[in-house]
C-alpha atoms as a PDB file:
ATOM      1  CA  UNK A   1      -0.105  -0.026   0.137  1.00  0.00           C
ATOM      2  CA  UNK A   2       1.657   3.352  -0.966  1.00  0.00           C
ATOM      3  CA  UNK A   3       0.954   6.705   1.182  1.00  0.00           C
ATOM      4  CA  UNK A   4       0.213   9.827  -0.254  1.00  0.00           C
ATOM      5  CA  UNK A   5       2.590  12.410   0.978  1.00  0.00           C
ATOM      6  CA  UNK A   6       0.776  15.284   2.845  1.00  0.00           C
ATOM      7  CA  UNK A   7       2.949  18.180   1.039  1.00  0.00           C
ATOM      8  CA  UNK A   8       1.945  16.784  -2.349  1.00  0.00           C
ATOM      9  CA  UNK A   9       1.744  19.937  -4.793  1.00  0.00           C
ATOM     10  CA  UNK A  10      -1.408  20.290  -6.444  1.00  0.00           C
ATOM     11  CA  UNK A  11      -1.299  21.369  -9.760  1.00  0.00           C
ATOM     12  CA  UNK A  12      -4.292  23.586 -11.144  1.00  0.00           C
ATOM     13  CA  UNK A  13      -4.563  25.178 -14.614  1.00  0.00           C
ATOM     14  CA  UNK A  14      -5.140  28.305 -12.787  1.00  0.00           C
ATOM     15  CA  UNK A  15      -5.671  29.738  -9.183  1.00  0.00           C
ATOM     16  CA  UNK A  16      -8.633  29.093  -7.276  1.00  0.00           C
ATOM     17  CA  UNK A  17     -10.031  32.117  -5.136  1.00  0.00           C
ATOM     18  CA  UNK A  18     -12.435  31.345  -2.346  1.00  0.00           C
ATOM     19  CA  UNK A  19     -15.918  32.924  -3.215  1.00  0.00           C
ATOM     20  CA  UNK A  20     -19.218  32.553  -1.997  1.00  0.00           C
ATOM     21  CA  UNK A  21     -21.607  33.269  -4.759  1.00  0.00           C
ATOM     22  CA  UNK A  22     -25.351  31.909  -5.300  1.00  0.00           C
ATOM     23  CA  UNK A  23     -25.545  29.724  -8.125  1.00  0.00           C
ATOM     24  CA  UNK A  24     -28.851  27.668  -9.681  1.00  0.00           C
ATOM     25  CA  UNK A  25     -27.808  24.099 -10.939  1.00  0.00           C
ATOM     26  CA  UNK A  26     -30.301  22.309 -13.172  1.00  0.00           C
ATOM     27  CA  UNK A  27     -30.239  19.448 -15.091  1.00  0.00           C
ATOM     28  CA  UNK A  28     -31.031  15.461 -15.305  1.00  0.00           C
ATOM     29  CA  UNK A  29     -29.584  12.775 -13.005  1.00  0.00           C
ATOM     30  CA  UNK A  30     -28.361   9.555 -14.355  1.00  0.00           C
ATOM     31  CA  UNK A  31     -31.740   7.897 -13.677  1.00  0.00           C
ATOM     32  CA  UNK A  32     -33.525  10.502 -15.555  1.00  0.00           C
ATOM     33  CA  UNK A  33     -35.095  12.657 -13.077  1.00  0.00           C
ATOM     34  CA  UNK A  34     -35.025  16.358 -13.218  1.00  0.00           C
ATOM     35  CA  UNK A  35     -33.226  18.329 -10.496  1.00  0.00           C
ATOM     36  CA  UNK A  36     -33.285  22.177 -10.001  1.00  0.00           C
ATOM     37  CA  UNK A  37     -32.009  24.022  -6.832  1.00  0.00           C
ATOM     38  CA  UNK A  38     -30.029  26.967  -5.369  1.00  0.00           C
ATOM     39  CA  UNK A  39     -26.629  26.385  -3.752  1.00  0.00           C
ATOM     40  CA  UNK A  40     -23.365  28.306  -3.474  1.00  0.00           C
ATOM     41  CA  UNK A  41     -19.856  28.255  -4.608  1.00  0.00           C
ATOM     42  CA  UNK A  42     -16.991  27.432  -2.051  1.00  0.00           C
ATOM     43  CA  UNK A  43     -14.282  28.335  -4.322  1.00  0.00           C
ATOM     44  CA  UNK A  44     -13.959  29.408  -7.985  1.00  0.00           C
ATOM     45  CA  UNK A  45     -11.375  29.405 -10.816  1.00  0.00           C
ATOM     46  CA  UNK A  46     -11.281  30.326 -14.676  1.00  0.00           C
ATOM     47  CA  UNK A  47     -11.778  26.834 -15.555  1.00  0.00           C
ATOM     48  CA  UNK A  48     -14.628  25.690 -12.881  1.00  0.00           C
ATOM     49  CA  UNK A  49     -15.072  25.530  -9.210  1.00  0.00           C
ATOM     50  CA  UNK A  50     -16.445  23.840  -6.289  1.00  0.00           C
ATOM     51  CA  UNK A  51     -20.116  24.054  -4.948  1.00  0.00           C
ATOM     52  CA  UNK A  52     -22.100  22.184  -2.226  1.00  0.00           C
ATOM     53  CA  UNK A  53     -24.615  19.701  -3.624  1.00  0.00           C
ATOM     54  CA  UNK A  54     -28.005  18.879  -2.370  1.00  0.00           C
ATOM     55  CA  UNK A  55     -28.678  16.171  -4.948  1.00  0.00           C
ATOM     56  CA  UNK A  56     -26.762  12.812  -5.069  1.00  0.00           C
ATOM     57  CA  UNK A  57     -24.917  13.467  -8.648  1.00  0.00           C
ATOM     58  CA  UNK A  58     -22.207  10.881  -9.805  1.00  0.00           C
ATOM     59  CA  UNK A  59     -18.896  11.617 -11.318  1.00  0.00           C
ATOM     60  CA  UNK A  60     -18.979  12.827 -14.646  1.00  0.00           C
ATOM     61  CA  UNK A  61     -22.473  14.182 -14.294  1.00  0.00           C
ATOM     62  CA  UNK A  62     -23.123  16.821 -16.802  1.00  0.00           C
ATOM     63  CA  UNK A  63     -25.416  19.800 -15.350  1.00  0.00           C
ATOM     64  CA  UNK A  64     -25.819  23.374 -15.940  1.00  0.00           C
ATOM     65  CA  UNK A  65     -25.263  26.463 -13.782  1.00  0.00           C
ATOM     66  CA  UNK A  66     -26.728  30.017 -13.542  1.00  0.00           C
ATOM     67  CA  UNK A  67     -24.756  32.614 -11.933  1.00  0.00           C
ATOM     68  CA  UNK A  68     -27.431  34.695  -9.774  1.00  0.00           C
ATOM     69  CA  UNK A  69     -25.552  37.916  -9.885  1.00  0.00           C
ATOM     70  CA  UNK A  70     -24.657  38.151 -13.700  1.00  0.00           C
ATOM     71  CA  UNK A  71     -27.362  35.645 -14.822  1.00  0.00           C
ATOM     72  CA  UNK A  72     -24.889  33.831 -17.113  1.00  0.00           C
ATOM     73  CA  UNK A  73     -25.400  30.326 -18.201  1.00  0.00           C
ATOM     74  CA  UNK A  74     -22.673  27.586 -18.482  1.00  0.00           C
ATOM     75  CA  UNK A  75     -22.822  23.752 -18.515  1.00  0.00           C
ATOM     76  CA  UNK A  76     -20.354  21.826 -16.165  1.00  0.00           C
ATOM     77  CA  UNK A  77     -19.013  18.176 -15.544  1.00  0.00           C
ATOM     78  CA  UNK A  78     -18.326  16.852 -12.004  1.00  0.00           C
ATOM     79  CA  UNK A  79     -14.658  15.922 -11.791  1.00  0.00           C
ATOM     80  CA  UNK A  80     -14.423  14.939  -8.003  1.00  0.00           C
ATOM     81  CA  UNK A  81     -16.878  14.527  -5.202  1.00  0.00           C
ATOM     82  CA  UNK A  82     -15.937  15.066  -1.239  1.00  0.00           C
ATOM     83  CA  UNK A  83     -17.633  14.911   2.068  1.00  0.00           C
ATOM     84  CA  UNK A  84     -17.420  17.826   4.273  1.00  0.00           C
ATOM     85  CA  UNK A  85     -17.489  17.474   8.051  1.00  0.00           C
ATOM     86  CA  UNK A  86     -21.027  18.614   8.247  1.00  0.00           C
ATOM     87  CA  UNK A  87     -22.128  15.694   6.324  1.00  0.00           C
ATOM     88  CA  UNK A  88     -22.386  17.937   2.943  1.00  0.00           C
ATOM     89  CA  UNK A  89     -21.210  17.075  -0.243  1.00  0.00           C
ATOM     90  CA  UNK A  90     -18.807  19.054  -2.176  1.00  0.00           C
ATOM     91  CA  UNK A  91     -18.389  18.699  -6.090  1.00  0.00           C
ATOM     92  CA  UNK A  92     -15.452  19.888  -7.908  1.00  0.00           C
ATOM     93  CA  UNK A  93     -16.502  20.802 -11.408  1.00  0.00           C
ATOM     94  CA  UNK A  94     -15.084  22.033 -14.750  1.00  0.00           C
ATOM     95  CA  UNK A  95     -16.928  24.134 -17.432  1.00  0.00           C
ATOM     96  CA  UNK A  96     -17.672  22.288 -20.503  1.00  0.00           C
ATOM     97  CA  UNK A  97     -19.611  25.273 -22.268  1.00  0.00           C
ATOM     98  CA  UNK A  98     -20.160  28.832 -21.368  1.00  0.00           C
ATOM     99  CA  UNK A  99     -17.398  29.111 -18.636  1.00  0.00           C
ATOM    100  CA  UNK A 100     -15.869  32.410 -20.153  1.00  0.00           C
ATOM    101  CA  UNK A 101     -16.090  35.278 -17.696  1.00  0.00           C
ATOM    102  CA  UNK A 102     -18.844  33.188 -15.775  1.00  0.00           C
ATOM    103  CA  UNK A 103     -17.398  34.386 -12.414  1.00  0.00           C
ATOM    104  CA  UNK A 104     -17.069  37.998 -13.595  1.00  0.00           C
ATOM    105  CA  UNK A 105     -13.758  38.064 -12.502  1.00  0.00           C
ATOM    106  CA  UNK A 106     -10.174  37.860 -13.868  1.00  0.00           C
ATOM    107  CA  UNK A 107      -7.922  35.125 -13.264  1.00  0.00           C
ATOM    108  CA  UNK A 108      -4.083  34.863 -13.671  1.00  0.00           C
ATOM    109  CA  UNK A 109      -2.935  33.157 -16.672  1.00  0.00           C
ATOM    110  CA  UNK A 110      -2.529  29.793 -16.604  1.00  0.00           C
ATOM    111  CA  UNK A 111       1.071  28.467 -14.973  1.00  0.00           C
ATOM    112  CA  UNK A 112       1.541  32.160 -13.972  1.00  0.00           C
ATOM    113  CA  UNK A 113       3.649  31.948 -10.446  1.00  0.00           C
ATOM    114  CA  UNK A 114       2.137  33.653  -7.497  1.00  0.00           C
ATOM    115  CA  UNK A 115       3.361  36.954  -6.636  1.00  0.00           C
ATOM    116  CA  UNK A 116       5.633  37.539  -4.096  1.00  0.00           C
ATOM    117  CA  UNK A 117       5.230  40.282  -1.491  1.00  0.00           C
ATOM    118  CA  UNK A 118       8.593  42.180  -0.801  1.00  0.00           C
ATOM    119  CA  UNK A 119       8.972  43.596   2.427  1.00  0.00           C
ATOM    120  CA  UNK A 120      11.152  46.930   2.731  1.00  0.00           C
ATOM    121  CA  UNK A 121      14.120  46.240   4.727  1.00  0.00           C
ATOM    122  CA  UNK A 122      14.511  48.461   7.798  1.00  0.00           C
ATOM    123  CA  UNK A 123      17.138  51.241   7.409  1.00  0.00           C
ATOM    124  CA  UNK A 124      20.457  50.283   9.174  1.00  0.00           C
ATOM    125  CA  UNK A 125      20.658  52.025  12.466  1.00  0.00           C
ATOM    126  CA  UNK A 126      24.628  53.114  12.625  1.00  0.00           C
END
């Protein structure tokens, strides 16, 4: 059995930002049942994000999103599911269509390194 090192580097296409935004999720489950409910984002990126789920959706499930603030629509696919401490399920998703400017913010270019904050050096007291 191999162990995953706790300091593993996560490789993302773009940086994620923590942002709580109301989103309308709708679509059809794999069983053919329609769903539609309001949820909120936990974190977002230029290529997708993480939302809390009310319905049990499967990995690879395609669904539609509507940004409450801007009214923009997009299609997305679930790429990971995780249980939270309080028993909810968070779903990581990536946009399949219409994800351009869905969040209404600009993200760093793919592969960009984070900016380093430079602290001024104190003047030498002589």
